[in-house]
Amino acid sequence: MNYFAEKQGLTYDVDGCLGDSGTIINDLLNQLNNIDFYRFNPPKSLGREWVESVFLPLADSADFANQDKLRTVYEHIGQQIGKATKKGGAMLVTGGGAFNPLLMKCITEHSNAQIVIPEEKLVIFKEALLFAFLGVLRITGQNNCLASVTGAKTDH
C-alpha cells in the first residue's frame, strides 16, 4: 500500500484516506485473487522480493487512477486474509496496518476471526519482542524454528 501512497507523494496512506477515495477495480481484483501463490498449501510466506516482482507489477498494471488501484489492493488484502481465517479463532493484528481504519474494515468484513488489536506499544514493538523471545529460546537450547510453520526440514 505504501507503494501507491508514495506515488502520491505520501510516506503511507494516512488512515486509509487515499484508498478510501478510490473505487474497486473488479477485473484487477479478480487478477490479484488468482495469483498462483494463493493456491499453495501452508507453510508459505511472502517476501519483499515476491511483492516487488509479482504482486506490484500486476497491481500497478491497470490503466486506472492510483487511488482506485490502492482501493483494490485494500479489498484484495481483506479478501485473502478472510480466506486464510475462514475457520475463525482469534487473529492478533500488529504493525502499521493495525492503525489503518480502511485496512481493518476490509479485513473485518471478510474474516471470521475475532480481530484483536493490542495496545499501541505492543503493536509498534512486536517484532523486537519476538526476536528477543527467539534469542531466549536459542540461549536456553529450545527450538525457535518450527518446520510446521517455516517449511524447514527439521525443527531447530
Protein backbone atom coordinates (compact mmCIF):
# COMPACT_ATOMS: atom_id res chain seq x y z
CA MET A 1 0.00 0.00 0.00
CA ASN A 2 2.91 2.33 0.69
CA TYR A 3 3.96 1.89 -2.95
CA PHE A 4 0.75 3.54 -4.13
CA ALA A 5 0.81 6.19 -1.40
CA GLU A 6 4.37 7.12 -2.38
CA LYS A 7 3.19 7.71 -5.97
CA GLN A 8 1.04 10.48 -4.50
CA GLY A 9 3.95 11.96 -2.54
CA LEU A 10 2.92 10.39 0.78
CA THR A 11 5.02 8.14 3.00
CA TYR A 12 1.99 5.94 3.65
CA ASP A 13 -1.80 6.12 3.28
CA VAL A 14 -2.69 8.05 6.43
CA ASP A 15 -5.84 6.49 7.97
CA GLY A 16 -6.55 4.82 4.61
CA CYS A 17 -7.88 8.12 3.23
CA LEU A 18 -6.26 7.81 -0.20
CA GLY A 19 -7.52 4.27 -0.67
CA ASP A 20 -10.94 5.20 0.67
CA SER A 21 -11.23 7.86 -2.04
CA GLY A 22 -10.85 5.19 -4.73
CA THR A 23 -13.17 2.64 -6.32
CA ILE A 24 -12.58 -1.10 -6.52
CA ILE A 25 -11.49 -2.27 -9.99
CA ASN A 26 -13.22 -5.65 -10.23
CA ASP A 27 -11.12 -7.01 -13.11
CA LEU A 28 -7.89 -6.18 -11.28
CA LEU A 29 -9.29 -7.63 -8.05
CA ASN A 30 -10.01 -10.91 -9.83
CA GLN A 31 -6.50 -10.98 -11.31
CA LEU A 32 -4.92 -10.37 -7.91
CA ASN A 33 -7.08 -13.03 -6.26
CA ASN A 34 -5.98 -15.54 -8.92
CA ILE A 35 -2.23 -15.22 -8.31
CA ASP A 36 -0.80 -18.76 -8.08
CA PHE A 37 0.69 -18.14 -4.63
CA TYR A 38 -2.76 -18.25 -3.03
CA ARG A 39 -3.28 -21.83 -4.19
CA PHE A 40 -0.14 -23.13 -2.44
CA ASN A 41 -0.60 -25.03 0.81
CA PRO A 42 0.97 -23.70 4.00
CA PRO A 43 3.52 -23.19 5.28
CA LYS A 44 4.25 -20.27 2.98
CA SER A 45 5.34 -16.70 3.41
CA LEU A 46 5.51 -13.52 1.40
CA GLY A 47 8.88 -11.86 0.94
CA ARG A 48 9.57 -8.37 -0.29
CA GLU A 49 11.14 -9.83 -3.44
CA TRP A 50 7.88 -11.60 -4.35
CA VAL A 51 5.83 -8.48 -3.68
CA GLU A 52 8.12 -6.38 -5.87
CA SER A 53 8.47 -8.90 -8.71
CA VAL A 54 4.97 -10.43 -8.86
CA PHE A 55 2.36 -8.52 -6.88
CA LEU A 56 3.17 -4.86 -7.53
CA PRO A 57 3.67 -5.15 -11.30
CA LEU A 58 0.24 -6.75 -11.59
CA ALA A 59 -1.44 -4.36 -9.15
CA ASP A 60 0.04 -1.35 -10.94
CA SER A 61 -0.62 -2.61 -14.48
CA ALA A 62 -4.23 -1.45 -14.69
CA ASP A 63 -4.82 1.82 -16.52
CA PHE A 64 -6.81 3.41 -13.70
CA ALA A 65 -6.30 6.16 -11.15
CA ASN A 66 -3.75 5.42 -8.45
CA GLN A 67 -6.34 5.64 -5.66
CA ASP A 68 -8.52 3.07 -7.48
CA LYS A 69 -5.60 0.64 -7.65
CA LEU A 70 -4.91 1.25 -3.97
CA ARG A 71 -8.56 0.70 -3.02
CA THR A 72 -8.49 -2.55 -4.99
CA VAL A 73 -5.36 -3.68 -3.13
CA TYR A 74 -7.07 -2.99 0.21
CA GLU A 75 -10.03 -5.13 -0.84
CA HIS A 76 -7.73 -7.87 -2.11
CA ILE A 77 -5.82 -8.00 1.18
CA GLY A 78 -9.10 -8.14 3.12
CA GLN A 79 -10.39 -10.99 0.96
CA GLN A 80 -7.18 -13.02 1.17
CA ILE A 81 -6.90 -12.63 4.93
CA GLY A 82 -10.58 -13.58 5.11
CA LYS A 83 -9.90 -16.80 3.20
CA ALA A 84 -6.93 -17.60 5.42
CA THR A 85 -9.01 -17.07 8.58
CA LYS A 86 -12.28 -18.65 7.45
CA LYS A 87 -12.18 -21.15 10.33
CA GLY A 88 -12.45 -18.32 12.83
CA GLY A 89 -10.45 -18.18 16.02
CA ALA A 90 -8.59 -15.06 17.02
CA MET A 91 -6.13 -13.04 14.94
CA LEU A 92 -3.62 -10.67 16.52
CA VAL A 93 -3.08 -7.64 14.27
CA THR A 94 0.13 -5.67 14.73
CA GLY A 95 2.28 -3.35 12.66
CA GLY A 96 1.27 -0.14 10.97
CA GLY A 97 -1.77 -1.69 9.33
CA ALA A 98 -3.41 -2.06 12.74
CA PHE A 99 -3.77 1.74 12.78
CA ASN A 100 -5.32 1.93 9.28
CA PRO A 101 -9.14 2.08 9.57
CA LEU A 102 -9.75 1.11 5.93
CA LEU A 103 -7.47 -1.92 6.09
CA MET A 104 -9.05 -3.07 9.34
CA LYS A 105 -12.53 -2.58 7.86
CA CYS A 106 -11.64 -4.70 4.81
CA ILE A 107 -10.15 -7.45 6.97
CA THR A 108 -13.07 -7.42 9.41
CA GLU A 109 -15.65 -7.59 6.61
CA HIS A 110 -14.09 -10.74 5.14
CA SER A 111 -12.74 -12.58 8.17
CA ASN A 112 -14.48 -14.99 10.53
CA ALA A 113 -11.70 -14.47 13.06
CA GLN A 114 -12.01 -12.30 16.11
CA ILE A 115 -9.72 -9.37 15.29
CA VAL A 116 -7.52 -8.41 18.25
CA ILE A 117 -5.54 -5.17 18.15
CA PRO A 118 -3.32 -4.91 21.24
CA GLU A 119 -2.24 -1.72 22.95
CA GLU A 120 -0.14 0.65 20.85
CA LYS A 121 3.23 -0.27 22.43
CA LEU A 122 2.80 -3.93 21.53
CA VAL A 123 1.69 -3.06 18.00
CA ILE A 124 4.82 -0.98 17.48
CA PHE A 125 7.39 -3.17 19.28
CA LYS A 126 6.08 -6.66 18.49
CA GLU A 127 8.94 -7.57 16.18
CA ALA A 128 11.61 -6.55 18.71
CA LEU A 129 9.84 -8.53 21.44
CA LEU A 130 9.58 -11.62 19.24
CA PHE A 131 13.25 -11.50 18.29
CA ALA A 132 14.18 -11.18 21.96
CA PHE A 133 11.99 -14.20 22.71
CA LEU A 134 13.63 -16.19 19.90
CA GLY A 135 17.00 -15.28 21.39
CA VAL A 136 15.94 -16.54 24.82
CA LEU A 137 14.79 -19.82 23.27
CA ARG A 138 18.13 -20.19 21.48
CA ILE A 139 20.19 -19.42 24.60
CA THR A 140 18.19 -21.97 26.61
CA GLY A 141 18.63 -24.63 23.93
CA GLN A 142 14.98 -24.73 22.87
CA ASN A 143 13.74 -24.87 19.30
CA ASN A 144 12.90 -21.47 17.90
CA CYS A 145 12.22 -22.51 14.31
CA LEU A 146 9.38 -24.97 13.72
CA ALA A 147 9.30 -26.93 10.47
CA SER A 148 5.50 -26.98 10.54
CA VAL A 149 5.46 -23.18 10.33
CA THR A 150 8.52 -22.32 8.26
CA GLY A 151 8.70 -25.21 5.82
CA ALA A 152 12.19 -26.16 7.08
CA LYS A 153 13.06 -29.86 7.06
CA THR A 154 13.51 -30.04 10.84
CA ASP A 155 12.81 -28.04 13.96
CA HIS A 156 15.86 -26.23 15.31
